[in-house]
C-alpha atoms as a PDB file:
ATOM      1  CA  UNK A   1      80.994  48.368 -32.490  1.00  0.00           C
ATOM      2  CA  UNK A   2      78.395  50.158 -34.727  1.00  0.00           C
ATOM      3  CA  UNK A   3      75.657  49.452 -32.095  1.00  0.00           C
ATOM      4  CA  UNK A   4      77.867  50.487 -29.205  1.00  0.00           C
ATOM      5  CA  UNK A   5      78.435  53.760 -30.934  1.00  0.00           C
ATOM      6  CA  UNK A   6      74.782  54.324 -31.739  1.00  0.00           C
ATOM      7  CA  UNK A   7      73.762  53.583 -28.046  1.00  0.00           C
ATOM      8  CA  UNK A   8      76.486  56.040 -26.617  1.00  0.00           C
ATOM      9  CA  UNK A   9      75.540  58.748 -29.087  1.00  0.00           C
ATOM     10  CA  UNK A  10      71.684  58.194 -28.072  1.00  0.00           C
ATOM     11  CA  UNK A  11      72.708  58.446 -24.435  1.00  0.00           C
ATOM     12  CA  UNK A  12      74.758  61.467 -24.801  1.00  0.00           C
ATOM     13  CA  UNK A  13      72.133  63.190 -27.025  1.00  0.00           C
ATOM     14  CA  UNK A  14      69.288  62.259 -24.662  1.00  0.00           C
ATOM     15  CA  UNK A  15      71.228  63.523 -21.671  1.00  0.00           C
ATOM     16  CA  UNK A  16      71.998  66.812 -23.475  1.00  0.00           C
ATOM     17  CA  UNK A  17      68.335  67.239 -24.435  1.00  0.00           C
ATOM     18  CA  UNK A  18      67.252  66.743 -20.833  1.00  0.00           C
ATOM     19  CA  UNK A  19      69.845  69.213 -19.667  1.00  0.00           C
ATOM     20  CA  UNK A  20      69.057  71.845 -22.230  1.00  0.00           C
ATOM     21  CA  UNK A  21      65.306  71.465 -21.846  1.00  0.00           C
ATOM     22  CA  UNK A  22      65.777  71.975 -18.031  1.00  0.00           C
ATOM     23  CA  UNK A  23      67.752  75.162 -18.614  1.00  0.00           C
ATOM     24  CA  UNK A  24      65.648  76.688 -21.249  1.00  0.00           C
ATOM     25  CA  UNK A  25      62.528  76.129 -19.162  1.00  0.00           C
ATOM     26  CA  UNK A  26      64.047  77.722 -15.984  1.00  0.00           C
ATOM     27  CA  UNK A  27      65.311  80.618 -18.211  1.00  0.00           C
ATOM     28  CA  UNK A  28      61.770  80.985 -19.665  1.00  0.00           C
ATOM     29  CA  UNK A  29      60.237  80.866 -16.374  1.00  0.00           C
ATOM     30  CA  UNK A  30      62.610  83.436 -14.794  1.00  0.00           C
ATOM     31  CA  UNK A  31      61.901  85.803 -17.880  1.00  0.00           C
ATOM     32  CA  UNK A  32      58.083  85.476 -17.737  1.00  0.00           C
ATOM     33  CA  UNK A  33      58.106  85.974 -13.766  1.00  0.00           C
ATOM     34  CA  UNK A  34      60.554  88.890 -13.557  1.00  0.00           C
ATOM     35  CA  UNK A  35      60.238  90.387 -17.047  1.00  0.00           C
ATOM     36  CA  UNK A  36      56.240  90.215 -17.561  1.00  0.00           C
ATOM     37  CA  UNK A  37      55.137  89.419 -13.917  1.00  0.00           C
ATOM     38  CA  UNK A  38      53.714  86.167 -15.007  1.00  0.00           C
ATOM     39  CA  UNK A  39      54.816  82.669 -14.498  1.00  0.00           C
ATOM     40  CA  UNK A  40      54.388  79.432 -16.229  1.00  0.00           C
ATOM     41  CA  UNK A  41      52.317  77.418 -13.554  1.00  0.00           C
ATOM     42  CA  UNK A  42      53.712  74.051 -14.611  1.00  0.00           C
ATOM     43  CA  UNK A  43      57.549  75.045 -14.997  1.00  0.00           C
ATOM     44  CA  UNK A  44      58.586  74.067 -11.571  1.00  0.00           C
ATOM     45  CA  UNK A  45      57.039  70.406 -11.526  1.00  0.00           C
ATOM     46  CA  UNK A  46      58.461  69.766 -14.993  1.00  0.00           C
ATOM     47  CA  UNK A  47      61.845  70.976 -14.059  1.00  0.00           C
ATOM     48  CA  UNK A  48      61.996  68.760 -11.168  1.00  0.00           C
ATOM     49  CA  UNK A  49      60.873  65.760 -13.284  1.00  0.00           C
ATOM     50  CA  UNK A  50      63.608  66.640 -16.041  1.00  0.00           C
ATOM     51  CA  UNK A  51      66.085  66.881 -13.163  1.00  0.00           C
ATOM     52  CA  UNK A  52      65.002  63.431 -12.008  1.00  0.00           C
ATOM     53  CA  UNK A  53      65.430  61.886 -15.487  1.00  0.00           C
ATOM     54  CA  UNK A  54      68.685  63.689 -16.033  1.00  0.00           C
ATOM     55  CA  UNK A  55      70.131  62.410 -12.735  1.00  0.00           C
ATOM     56  CA  UNK A  56      68.818  58.715 -12.722  1.00  0.00           C
ATOM     57  CA  UNK A  57      69.525  58.177 -16.565  1.00  0.00           C
ATOM     58  CA  UNK A  58      72.940  59.992 -16.106  1.00  0.00           C
ATOM     59  CA  UNK A  59      73.957  57.759 -13.139  1.00  0.00           C
ATOM     60  CA  UNK A  60      74.119  54.698 -15.347  1.00  0.00           C
ATOM     61  CA  UNK A  61      75.904  56.671 -18.072  1.00  0.00           C
ATOM     62  CA  UNK A  62      78.485  57.747 -15.410  1.00  0.00           C
ATOM     63  CA  UNK A  63      79.097  54.131 -14.332  1.00  0.00           C
ATOM     64  CA  UNK A  64      79.774  53.343 -18.277  1.00  0.00           C
ATOM     65  CA  UNK A  65      82.227  56.178 -18.639  1.00  0.00           C
ATOM     66  CA  UNK A  66      83.827  56.109 -15.211  1.00  0.00           C
ATOM     67  CA  UNK A  67      82.467  59.606 -14.258  1.00  0.00           C
ATOM     68  CA  UNK A  68      81.667  58.910 -10.788  1.00  0.00           C
ATOM     69  CA  UNK A  69      83.718  60.022  -7.911  1.00  0.00           C
ATOM     70  CA  UNK A  70      84.979  57.498  -5.587  1.00  0.00           C
ATOM     71  CA  UNK A  71      87.315  57.139  -2.703  1.00  0.00           C
ATOM     72  CA  UNK A  72      89.462  54.029  -3.665  1.00  0.00           C
ATOM     73  CA  UNK A  73      92.811  54.886  -1.973  1.00  0.00           C
ATOM     74  CA  UNK A  74      92.693  51.832   0.438  1.00  0.00           C
ATOM     75  CA  UNK A  75      91.817  49.544  -2.309  1.00  0.00           C
ATOM     76  CA  UNK A  76      94.451  50.622  -4.622  1.00  0.00           C
ATOM     77  CA  UNK A  77      97.059  49.906  -1.861  1.00  0.00           C
ATOM     78  CA  UNK A  78      96.076  46.253  -1.902  1.00  0.00           C
ATOM     79  CA  UNK A  79      97.503  43.519  -4.185  1.00  0.00           C
ATOM     80  CA  UNK A  80      95.995  43.257  -7.686  1.00  0.00           C
ATOM     81  CA  UNK A  81      94.224  39.935  -6.843  1.00  0.00           C
ATOM     82  CA  UNK A  82      92.329  41.392  -3.857  1.00  0.00           C
ATOM     83  CA  UNK A  83      91.735  44.526  -5.602  1.00  0.00           C
ATOM     84  CA  UNK A  84      89.535  42.615  -8.172  1.00  0.00           C
ATOM     85  CA  UNK A  85      87.913  40.515  -5.336  1.00  0.00           C
ATOM     86  CA  UNK A  86      86.823  43.621  -3.489  1.00  0.00           C
ATOM     87  CA  UNK A  87      85.681  45.468  -6.942  1.00  0.00           C
ATOM     88  CA  UNK A  88      83.418  42.281  -7.232  1.00  0.00           C
ATOM     89  CA  UNK A  89      82.035  42.599  -3.638  1.00  0.00           C
ATOM     90  CA  UNK A  90      81.377  46.263  -4.391  1.00  0.00           C
ATOM     91  CA  UNK A  91      79.513  45.588  -7.562  1.00  0.00           C
ATOM     92  CA  UNK A  92      77.501  42.959  -5.678  1.00  0.00           C
ATOM     93  CA  UNK A  93      76.654  45.570  -2.909  1.00  0.00           C
ATOM     94  CA  UNK A  94      75.705  48.066  -5.819  1.00  0.00           C
ATOM     95  CA  UNK A  95      73.339  45.471  -7.331  1.00  0.00           C
ATOM     96  CA  UNK A  96      71.746  44.667  -4.117  1.00  0.00           C
ATOM     97  CA  UNK A  97      71.124  48.408  -3.504  1.00  0.00           C
ATOM     98  CA  UNK A  98      69.809  48.914  -7.062  1.00  0.00           C
ATOM     99  CA  UNK A  99      67.610  45.801  -6.743  1.00  0.00           C
ATOM    100  CA  UNK A 100      65.914  47.174  -3.467  1.00  0.00           C
ATOM    101  CA  UNK A 101      65.346  50.499  -5.042  1.00  0.00           C
ATOM    102  CA  UNK A 102      64.047  48.671  -8.186  1.00  0.00           C
ATOM    103  CA  UNK A 103      61.605  46.629  -6.130  1.00  0.00           C
ATOM    104  CA  UNK A 104      60.443  49.693  -4.333  1.00  0.00           C
ATOM    105  CA  UNK A 105      59.980  51.901  -7.512  1.00  0.00           C
ATOM    106  CA  UNK A 106      57.955  49.151  -9.012  1.00  0.00           C
ATOM    107  CA  UNK A 107      55.535  48.975  -6.128  1.00  0.00           C
ATOM    108  CA  UNK A 108      55.269  52.823  -5.989  1.00  0.00           C
ATOM    109  CA  UNK A 109      54.532  53.048  -9.706  1.00  0.00           C
ATOM    110  CA  UNK A 110      52.096  50.220  -9.656  1.00  0.00           C
ATOM    111  CA  UNK A 111      50.202  51.977  -6.835  1.00  0.00           C
ATOM    112  CA  UNK A 112      50.401  55.243  -8.762  1.00  0.00           C
ATOM    113  CA  UNK A 113      48.916  53.524 -11.831  1.00  0.00           C
ATOM    114  CA  UNK A 114      46.330  51.723  -9.741  1.00  0.00           C
ATOM    115  CA  UNK A 115      45.010  54.974  -7.874  1.00  0.00           C
ATOM    116  CA  UNK A 116      45.223  57.041 -11.240  1.00  0.00           C
ATOM    117  CA  UNK A 117      46.946  60.003  -9.544  1.00  0.00           C
ATOM    118  CA  UNK A 118      47.961  62.761 -11.991  1.00  0.00           C
ATOM    119  CA  UNK A 119      50.659  65.275 -11.686  1.00  0.00           C
ATOM    120  CA  UNK A 120      49.789  68.410  -9.772  1.00  0.00           C
ATOM    121  CA  UNK A 121      49.971  70.978 -12.754  1.00  0.00           C
ATOM    122  CA  UNK A 122      49.529  68.803 -15.923  1.00  0.00           C
ATOM    123  CA  UNK A 123      46.861  66.206 -16.771  1.00  0.00           C
ATOM    124  CA  UNK A 124      49.210  63.390 -17.000  1.00  0.00           C
ATOM    125  CA  UNK A 125      49.054  60.158 -14.958  1.00  0.00           C
ATOM    126  CA  UNK A 126      51.974  60.651 -12.455  1.00  0.00           C
ATOM    127  CA  UNK A 127      53.366  57.073 -13.147  1.00  0.00           C
ATOM    128  CA  UNK A 128      54.271  57.885 -16.599  1.00  0.00           C
ATOM    129  CA  UNK A 129      57.099  60.612 -15.953  1.00  0.00           C
ATOM    130  CA  UNK A 130      57.898  58.728 -12.764  1.00  0.00           C
ATOM    131  CA  UNK A 131      58.740  55.772 -14.594  1.00  0.00           C
ATOM    132  CA  UNK A 132      62.358  56.873 -14.707  1.00  0.00           C
ATOM    133  CA  UNK A 133      62.696  55.169 -11.351  1.00  0.00           C
ATOM    134  CA  UNK A 134      62.326  51.846 -12.780  1.00  0.00           C
ATOM    135  CA  UNK A 135      64.104  52.774 -15.960  1.00  0.00           C
ATOM    136  CA  UNK A 136      67.083  54.264 -14.078  1.00  0.00           C
ATOM    137  CA  UNK A 137      67.728  51.415 -11.879  1.00  0.00           C
ATOM    138  CA  UNK A 138      67.192  48.968 -14.490  1.00  0.00           C
ATOM    139  CA  UNK A 139      69.939  50.746 -16.630  1.00  0.00           C
ATOM    140  CA  UNK A 140      72.163  50.775 -13.540  1.00  0.00           C
ATOM    141  CA  UNK A 141      71.779  47.168 -12.814  1.00  0.00           C
ATOM    142  CA  UNK A 142      72.785  46.588 -16.417  1.00  0.00           C
ATOM    143  CA  UNK A 143      75.786  48.663 -16.189  1.00  0.00           C
ATOM    144  CA  UNK A 144      76.987  47.098 -12.977  1.00  0.00           C
ATOM    145  CA  UNK A 145      76.563  43.727 -14.642  1.00  0.00           C
ATOM    146  CA  UNK A 146      78.544  44.689 -17.540  1.00  0.00           C
ATOM    147  CA  UNK A 147      81.417  46.105 -15.107  1.00  0.00           C
ATOM    148  CA  UNK A 148      81.288  42.831 -13.103  1.00  0.00           C
ATOM    149  CA  UNK A 149      81.581  40.619 -16.300  1.00  0.00           C
ATOM    150  CA  UNK A 150      84.640  42.891 -17.402  1.00  0.00           C
ATOM    151  CA  UNK A 151      86.233  42.363 -13.886  1.00  0.00           C
ATOM    152  CA  UNK A 152      85.650  38.660 -14.125  1.00  0.00           C
ATOM    153  CA  UNK A 153      87.108  38.441 -17.617  1.00  0.00           C
ATOM    154  CA  UNK A 154      90.030  40.517 -16.520  1.00  0.00           C
ATOM    155  CA  UNK A 155      89.335  43.327 -18.846  1.00  0.00           C
ATOM    156  CA  UNK A 156      88.907  45.682 -15.842  1.00  0.00           C
ATOM    157  CA  UNK A 157      90.149  45.707 -12.372  1.00  0.00           C
ATOM    158  CA  UNK A 158      88.020  48.405 -10.722  1.00  0.00           C
ATOM    159  CA  UNK A 159      85.385  50.973 -11.203  1.00  0.00           C
ATOM    160  CA  UNK A 160      87.682  53.385 -12.906  1.00  0.00           C
ATOM    161  CA  UNK A 161      86.375  56.489 -10.881  1.00  0.00           C
ATOM    162  CA  UNK A 162      87.291  59.808 -11.864  1.00  0.00           C
ATOM    163  CA  UNK A 163      90.327  60.908  -9.827  1.00  0.00           C
ATOM    164  CA  UNK A 164      90.048  64.339  -8.901  1.00  0.00           C
ATOM    165  CA  UNK A 165      93.159  64.484  -7.035  1.00  0.00           C
ATOM    166  CA  UNK A 166      95.222  63.158  -9.916  1.00  0.00           C
ATOM    167  CA  UNK A 167      93.396  65.405 -12.341  1.00  0.00           C
ATOM    168  CA  UNK A 168      94.260  68.395  -9.983  1.00  0.00           C
ATOM    169  CA  UNK A 169      97.880  67.493  -9.966  1.00  0.00           C
ATOM    170  CA  UNK A 170      98.047  67.065 -13.762  1.00  0.00           C
ATOM    171  CA  UNK A 171      96.435  70.538 -14.111  1.00  0.00           C
ATOM    172  CA  UNK A 172      98.789  71.926 -11.528  1.00  0.00           C
ATOM    173  CA  UNK A 173     101.780  70.568 -13.567  1.00  0.00           C
ATOM    174  CA  UNK A 174     100.309  72.016 -16.799  1.00  0.00           C
ATOM    175  CA  UNK A 175     100.123  75.358 -15.351  1.00  0.00           C
ATOM    176  CA  UNK A 176     103.265  75.307 -13.743  1.00  0.00           C
ATOM    177  CA  UNK A 177     104.957  74.365 -17.141  1.00  0.00           C
ATOM    178  CA  UNK A 178     102.996  77.047 -18.940  1.00  0.00           C
ATOM    179  CA  UNK A 179     104.216  79.638 -16.431  1.00  0.00           C
ATOM    180  CA  UNK A 180     107.809  78.617 -16.727  1.00  0.00           C
ATOM    181  CA  UNK A 181     107.459  78.411 -20.446  1.00  0.00           C
ATOM    182  CA  UNK A 182     106.288  81.961 -20.349  1.00  0.00           C
ATOM    183  CA  UNK A 183     108.806  83.218 -17.933  1.00  0.00           C
ATOM    184  CA  UNK A 184     111.721  83.702 -20.471  1.00  0.00           C
ATOM    185  CA  UNK A 185     109.541  85.869 -22.688  1.00  0.00           C
ATOM    186  CA  UNK A 186     108.741  87.915 -19.454  1.00  0.00           C
ATOM    187  CA  UNK A 187     112.305  88.458 -18.727  1.00  0.00           C
ATOM    188  CA  UNK A 188     113.261  89.143 -22.104  1.00  0.00           C
ATOM    189  CA  UNK A 189     110.442  92.039 -22.299  1.00  0.00           C
ATOM    190  CA  UNK A 190     111.716  93.322 -19.040  1.00  0.00           C
ATOM    191  CA  UNK A 191     115.005  93.606 -20.265  1.00  0.00           C
ATOM    192  CA  UNK A 192     114.029  95.392 -23.298  1.00  0.00           C
ATOM    193  CA  UNK A 193     112.163  97.923 -21.284  1.00  0.00           C
ATOM    194  CA  UNK A 194     108.696  96.654 -22.532  1.00  0.00           C
END
């Protein structure tokens, strides 16, 4: 449990660091460009790389916490046994997809390293910051394998996607309850002439 907590805190901290770094870099670039008529020549490239790291690292974290949005209405209407089966099929397809991208990323990075191409604006070998391609897809494969194992053991029966429709209905219900709760005080104030 301690290791899980440390890993989760590291993932959340790393994602926060990427997001904050990207935001501050864009802010500094805008201030430099429009405030002082000078830009940071490497800012755009680094911002794009930070965004790539954020997306690819964040995708595996999204699988872990069930933050991805999915359309699973059809699967939810099926009997529980078939629901697990189709979840395992979906996980297998996700693993194939990630495997293909991992293989292609490995070839791409190998060629980048062999050729020795550097980033356009910084004297850094391009394969180093682009290594998130391999790292991201390895993490995704790991998360899908974890989810598949939970489904096989019966600890999970699906991806547990973020259900925006359900969340929206809960928010609407809360707003309605809040509005109904405030209604008597509005009527009371009206009667008192306030």
